[in-house]
Amino acid sequence: MSTNQDKIQSVPTNIITGFLGAGKTTAILNLMKSKPANERWAVLVNEFGEIGIDGA
């Protein structure tokens, strides 16, 4: 007998990286504007450093 725990599902993932000022935030905001209504998205932010540049 198979259970849901036996199945491994992949999750489509995009990683957006780049230097400060490269346009990462602008790209993400534009992608969010065109997100299909039937999809669920999550945005994870990992900021290194003592001061978060985009935190405000």
PDB file of N, CA and C in Angstrom:
ATOM      1  N   MET A   1       0.846  -1.181   0.000  1.00  0.00           N
ATOM      2  CA  MET A   1       0.000   0.000   0.000  1.00  0.00           C
ATOM      3  C   MET A   1       0.888   1.240   0.000  1.00  0.00           C
ATOM      4  N   SER A   2       0.574   2.178  -0.860  1.00  0.00           N
ATOM      5  CA  SER A   2       1.359   3.406  -0.998  1.00  0.00           C
ATOM      6  C   SER A   2       0.669   4.553  -0.270  1.00  0.00           C
ATOM      7  N   THR A   3       1.453   5.379   0.379  1.00  0.00           N
ATOM      8  CA  THR A   3       0.908   6.557   1.059  1.00  0.00           C
ATOM      9  C   THR A   3       1.480   7.805   0.422  1.00  0.00           C
ATOM     10  N   ASN A   4       0.929   8.954   0.773  1.00  0.00           N
ATOM     11  CA  ASN A   4       1.444  10.220   0.244  1.00  0.00           C
ATOM     12  C   ASN A   4       2.881  10.459   0.668  1.00  0.00           C
ATOM     13  N   GLN A   5       3.287   9.902   1.798  1.00  0.00           N
ATOM     14  CA  GLN A   5       4.645  10.094   2.273  1.00  0.00           C
ATOM     15  C   GLN A   5       5.653   9.360   1.403  1.00  0.00           C
ATOM     16  N   ASP A   6       5.206   8.369   0.647  1.00  0.00           N
ATOM     17  CA  ASP A   6       6.108   7.616  -0.216  1.00  0.00           C
ATOM     18  C   ASP A   6       6.427   8.365  -1.505  1.00  0.00           C
ATOM     19  N   LYS A   7       5.654   9.384  -1.826  1.00  0.00           N
ATOM     20  CA  LYS A   7       5.838  10.112  -3.074  1.00  0.00           C
ATOM     21  C   LYS A   7       6.661  11.372  -2.838  1.00  0.00           C
ATOM     22  N   ILE A   8       7.639  11.571  -3.690  1.00  0.00           N
ATOM     23  CA  ILE A   8       8.456  12.778  -3.625  1.00  0.00           C
ATOM     24  C   ILE A   8       8.032  13.677  -4.777  1.00  0.00           C
ATOM     25  N   GLN A   9       7.656  14.910  -4.448  1.00  0.00           N
ATOM     26  CA  GLN A   9       7.248  15.851  -5.468  1.00  0.00           C
ATOM     27  C   GLN A   9       8.282  16.959  -5.580  1.00  0.00           C
ATOM     28  N   SER A  10       8.576  17.330  -6.803  1.00  0.00           N
ATOM     29  CA  SER A  10       9.502  18.443  -7.001  1.00  0.00           C
ATOM     30  C   SER A  10       8.723  19.752  -6.957  1.00  0.00           C
ATOM     31  N   VAL A  11       9.405  20.798  -6.551  1.00  0.00           N
ATOM     32  CA  VAL A  11       8.814  22.126  -6.495  1.00  0.00           C
ATOM     33  C   VAL A  11       9.617  23.014  -7.436  1.00  0.00           C
ATOM     34  N   PRO A  12       8.966  23.551  -8.480  1.00  0.00           N
ATOM     35  CA  PRO A  12       9.698  24.454  -9.370  1.00  0.00           C
ATOM     36  C   PRO A  12      10.257  25.631  -8.583  1.00  0.00           C
ATOM     37  N   THR A  13      11.522  25.929  -8.786  1.00  0.00           N
ATOM     38  CA  THR A  13      12.199  26.959  -8.003  1.00  0.00           C
ATOM     39  C   THR A  13      13.048  27.834  -8.921  1.00  0.00           C
ATOM     40  N   ASN A  14      13.000  29.121  -8.685  1.00  0.00           N
ATOM     41  CA  ASN A  14      13.868  30.069  -9.378  1.00  0.00           C
ATOM     42  C   ASN A  14      14.714  30.773  -8.334  1.00  0.00           C
ATOM     43  N   ILE A  15      15.988  30.904  -8.613  1.00  0.00           N
ATOM     44  CA  ILE A  15      16.896  31.627  -7.731  1.00  0.00           C
ATOM     45  C   ILE A  15      17.366  32.860  -8.473  1.00  0.00           C
ATOM     46  N   ILE A  16      17.139  34.017  -7.884  1.00  0.00           N
ATOM     47  CA  ILE A  16      17.529  35.277  -8.521  1.00  0.00           C
ATOM     48  C   ILE A  16      18.666  35.876  -7.705  1.00  0.00           C
ATOM     49  N   THR A  17      19.812  36.017  -8.341  1.00  0.00           N
ATOM     50  CA  THR A  17      20.978  36.562  -7.667  1.00  0.00           C
ATOM     51  C   THR A  17      21.576  37.680  -8.503  1.00  0.00           C
ATOM     52  N   GLY A  18      22.423  38.461  -7.892  1.00  0.00           N
ATOM     53  CA  GLY A  18      23.108  39.511  -8.629  1.00  0.00           C
ATOM     54  C   GLY A  18      23.681  40.542  -7.691  1.00  0.00           C
ATOM     55  N   PHE A  19      24.470  41.415  -8.257  1.00  0.00           N
ATOM     56  CA  PHE A  19      25.115  42.460  -7.481  1.00  0.00           C
ATOM     57  C   PHE A  19      24.109  43.532  -7.085  1.00  0.00           C
ATOM     58  N   LEU A  20      24.481  44.352  -6.122  1.00  0.00           N
ATOM     59  CA  LEU A  20      23.667  45.476  -5.687  1.00  0.00           C
ATOM     60  C   LEU A  20      23.398  46.394  -6.878  1.00  0.00           C
ATOM     61  N   GLY A  21      22.123  46.687  -7.116  1.00  0.00           N
ATOM     62  CA  GLY A  21      21.762  47.573  -8.206  1.00  0.00           C
ATOM     63  C   GLY A  21      21.574  46.882  -9.546  1.00  0.00           C
ATOM     64  N   ALA A  22      21.625  45.555  -9.561  1.00  0.00           N
ATOM     65  CA  ALA A  22      21.506  44.821 -10.823  1.00  0.00           C
ATOM     66  C   ALA A  22      20.070  44.731 -11.326  1.00  0.00           C
ATOM     67  N   GLY A  23      19.090  45.035 -10.486  1.00  0.00           N
ATOM     68  CA  GLY A  23      17.688  44.990 -10.904  1.00  0.00           C
ATOM     69  C   GLY A  23      16.918  43.779 -10.400  1.00  0.00           C
ATOM     70  N   LYS A  24      17.437  43.114  -9.376  1.00  0.00           N
ATOM     71  CA  LYS A  24      16.770  41.922  -8.840  1.00  0.00           C
ATOM     72  C   LYS A  24      15.381  42.259  -8.294  1.00  0.00           C
ATOM     73  N   THR A  25      15.281  43.291  -7.488  1.00  0.00           N
ATOM     74  CA  THR A  25      14.003  43.670  -6.890  1.00  0.00           C
ATOM     75  C   THR A  25      13.013  44.081  -7.967  1.00  0.00           C
ATOM     76  N   THR A  26      13.454  44.834  -8.942  1.00  0.00           N
ATOM     77  CA  THR A  26      12.586  45.248 -10.047  1.00  0.00           C
ATOM     78  C   THR A  26      12.089  44.031 -10.810  1.00  0.00           C
ATOM     79  N   ALA A  27      12.961  43.085 -11.077  1.00  0.00           N
ATOM     80  CA  ALA A  27      12.571  41.870 -11.795  1.00  0.00           C
ATOM     81  C   ALA A  27      11.531  41.083 -11.011  1.00  0.00           C
ATOM     82  N   ILE A  28      11.748  40.934  -9.707  1.00  0.00           N
ATOM     83  CA  ILE A  28      10.807  40.184  -8.873  1.00  0.00           C
ATOM     84  C   ILE A  28       9.455  40.888  -8.831  1.00  0.00           C
ATOM     85  N   LEU A  29       9.455  42.205  -8.678  1.00  0.00           N
ATOM     86  CA  LEU A  29       8.192  42.951  -8.651  1.00  0.00           C
ATOM     87  C   LEU A  29       7.439  42.807  -9.968  1.00  0.00           C
ATOM     88  N   ASN A  30       8.144  42.836 -11.089  1.00  0.00           N
ATOM     89  CA  ASN A  30       7.496  42.660 -12.385  1.00  0.00           C
ATOM     90  C   ASN A  30       6.957  41.246 -12.555  1.00  0.00           C
ATOM     91  N   LEU A  31       7.687  40.254 -12.074  1.00  0.00           N
ATOM     92  CA  LEU A  31       7.184  38.882 -12.119  1.00  0.00           C
ATOM     93  C   LEU A  31       5.920  38.729 -11.285  1.00  0.00           C
ATOM     94  N   MET A  32       5.907  39.353 -10.109  1.00  0.00           N
ATOM     95  CA  MET A  32       4.739  39.258  -9.223  1.00  0.00           C
ATOM     96  C   MET A  32       3.498  39.890  -9.865  1.00  0.00           C
ATOM     97  N   LYS A  33       3.688  40.935 -10.657  1.00  0.00           N
ATOM     98  CA  LYS A  33       2.558  41.583 -11.331  1.00  0.00           C
ATOM     99  C   LYS A  33       1.916  40.664 -12.372  1.00  0.00           C
ATOM    100  N   SER A  34       2.686  39.749 -12.930  1.00  0.00           N
ATOM    101  CA  SER A  34       2.159  38.873 -13.976  1.00  0.00           C
ATOM    102  C   SER A  34       1.893  37.448 -13.482  1.00  0.00           C
ATOM    103  N   LYS A  35       1.873  37.260 -12.164  1.00  0.00           N
ATOM    104  CA  LYS A  35       1.640  35.937 -11.586  1.00  0.00           C
ATOM    105  C   LYS A  35       0.234  35.452 -11.920  1.00  0.00           C
ATOM    106  N   PRO A  36       0.098  34.242 -12.467  1.00  0.00           N
ATOM    107  CA  PRO A  36      -1.234  33.700 -12.723  1.00  0.00           C
ATOM    108  C   PRO A  36      -2.020  33.538 -11.416  1.00  0.00           C
ATOM    109  N   ALA A  37      -3.306  33.823 -11.463  1.00  0.00           N
ATOM    110  CA  ALA A  37      -4.147  33.785 -10.265  1.00  0.00           C
ATOM    111  C   ALA A  37      -4.238  32.395  -9.655  1.00  0.00           C
ATOM    112  N   ASN A  38      -4.070  31.360 -10.465  1.00  0.00           N
ATOM    113  CA  ASN A  38      -4.217  29.992  -9.950  1.00  0.00           C
ATOM    114  C   ASN A  38      -2.920  29.418  -9.371  1.00  0.00           C
ATOM    115  N   GLU A  39      -1.863  30.192  -9.337  1.00  0.00           N
ATOM    116  CA  GLU A  39      -0.590  29.709  -8.788  1.00  0.00           C
ATOM    117  C   GLU A  39      -0.318  30.318  -7.419  1.00  0.00           C
ATOM    118  N   ARG A  40       0.371  29.541  -6.591  1.00  0.00           N
ATOM    119  CA  ARG A  40       0.810  30.028  -5.279  1.00  0.00           C
ATOM    120  C   ARG A  40       2.320  30.198  -5.328  1.00  0.00           C
ATOM    121  N   TRP A  41       2.781  31.402  -5.027  1.00  0.00           N
ATOM    122  CA  TRP A  41       4.210  31.706  -5.055  1.00  0.00           C
ATOM    123  C   TRP A  41       4.664  32.109  -3.664  1.00  0.00           C
ATOM    124  N   ALA A  42       5.927  31.888  -3.404  1.00  0.00           N
ATOM    125  CA  ALA A  42       6.568  32.373  -2.182  1.00  0.00           C
ATOM    126  C   ALA A  42       7.863  33.057  -2.577  1.00  0.00           C
ATOM    127  N   VAL A  43       8.190  34.131  -1.902  1.00  0.00           N
ATOM    128  CA  VAL A  43       9.447  34.833  -2.128  1.00  0.00           C
ATOM    129  C   VAL A  43      10.235  34.777  -0.827  1.00  0.00           C
ATOM    130  N   LEU A  44      11.393  34.177  -0.868  1.00  0.00           N
ATOM    131  CA  LEU A  44      12.271  34.100   0.291  1.00  0.00           C
ATOM    132  C   LEU A  44      13.406  35.082   0.094  1.00  0.00           C
ATOM    133  N   VAL A  45      13.690  35.865   1.111  1.00  0.00           N
ATOM    134  CA  VAL A  45      14.748  36.869   1.026  1.00  0.00           C
ATOM    135  C   VAL A  45      15.834  36.488   2.020  1.00  0.00           C
ATOM    136  N   ASN A  46      17.045  36.429   1.539  1.00  0.00           N
ATOM    137  CA  ASN A  46      18.191  36.130   2.388  1.00  0.00           C
ATOM    138  C   ASN A  46      19.181  37.273   2.218  1.00  0.00           C
ATOM    139  N   GLU A  47      19.168  38.190   3.154  1.00  0.00           N
ATOM    140  CA  GLU A  47      20.074  39.338   3.082  1.00  0.00           C
ATOM    141  C   GLU A  47      21.271  39.093   3.982  1.00  0.00           C
ATOM    142  N   PHE A  48      22.445  39.290   3.430  1.00  0.00           N
ATOM    143  CA  PHE A  48      23.667  39.208   4.216  1.00  0.00           C
ATOM    144  C   PHE A  48      24.102  40.623   4.557  1.00  0.00           C
ATOM    145  N   GLY A  49      24.590  40.807   5.718  1.00  0.00           N
ATOM    146  CA  GLY A  49      25.072  42.115   6.121  1.00  0.00           C
ATOM    147  C   GLY A  49      24.301  42.633   7.319  1.00  0.00           C
ATOM    148  N   GLU A  50      24.802  43.684   7.898  1.00  0.00           N
ATOM    149  CA  GLU A  50      24.198  44.218   9.109  1.00  0.00           C
ATOM    150  C   GLU A  50      22.997  45.103   8.803  1.00  0.00           C
ATOM    151  N   ILE A  51      22.961  45.713   7.619  1.00  0.00           N
ATOM    152  CA  ILE A  51      21.862  46.592   7.265  1.00  0.00           C
ATOM    153  C   ILE A  51      21.174  46.040   6.029  1.00  0.00           C
ATOM    154  N   GLY A  52      19.865  45.834   6.140  1.00  0.00           N
ATOM    155  CA  GLY A  52      19.104  45.362   4.986  1.00  0.00           C
ATOM    156  C   GLY A  52      18.821  46.513   4.041  1.00  0.00           C
ATOM    157  N   ILE A  53      19.331  46.439   2.842  1.00  0.00           N
ATOM    158  CA  ILE A  53      19.178  47.533   1.876  1.00  0.00           C
ATOM    159  C   ILE A  53      17.727  47.708   1.466  1.00  0.00           C
ATOM    160  N   ASP A  54      17.032  46.592   1.129  1.00  0.00           N
ATOM    161  CA  ASP A  54      15.661  46.677   0.648  1.00  0.00           C
ATOM    162  C   ASP A  54      14.632  46.523   1.760  1.00  0.00           C
ATOM    163  N   GLY A  55      15.067  46.458   2.991  1.00  0.00           N
ATOM    164  CA  GLY A  55      14.156  46.240   4.110  1.00  0.00           C
ATOM    165  C   GLY A  55      13.084  47.301   4.270  1.00  0.00           C
ATOM    166  N   ALA A  56      13.400  48.528   3.920  1.00  0.00           N
ATOM    167  CA  ALA A  56      12.421  49.602   4.070  1.00  0.00           C
ATOM    168  C   ALA A  56      11.345  49.473   3.029  1.00  0.00           C
TER     169      ALA A  56
END
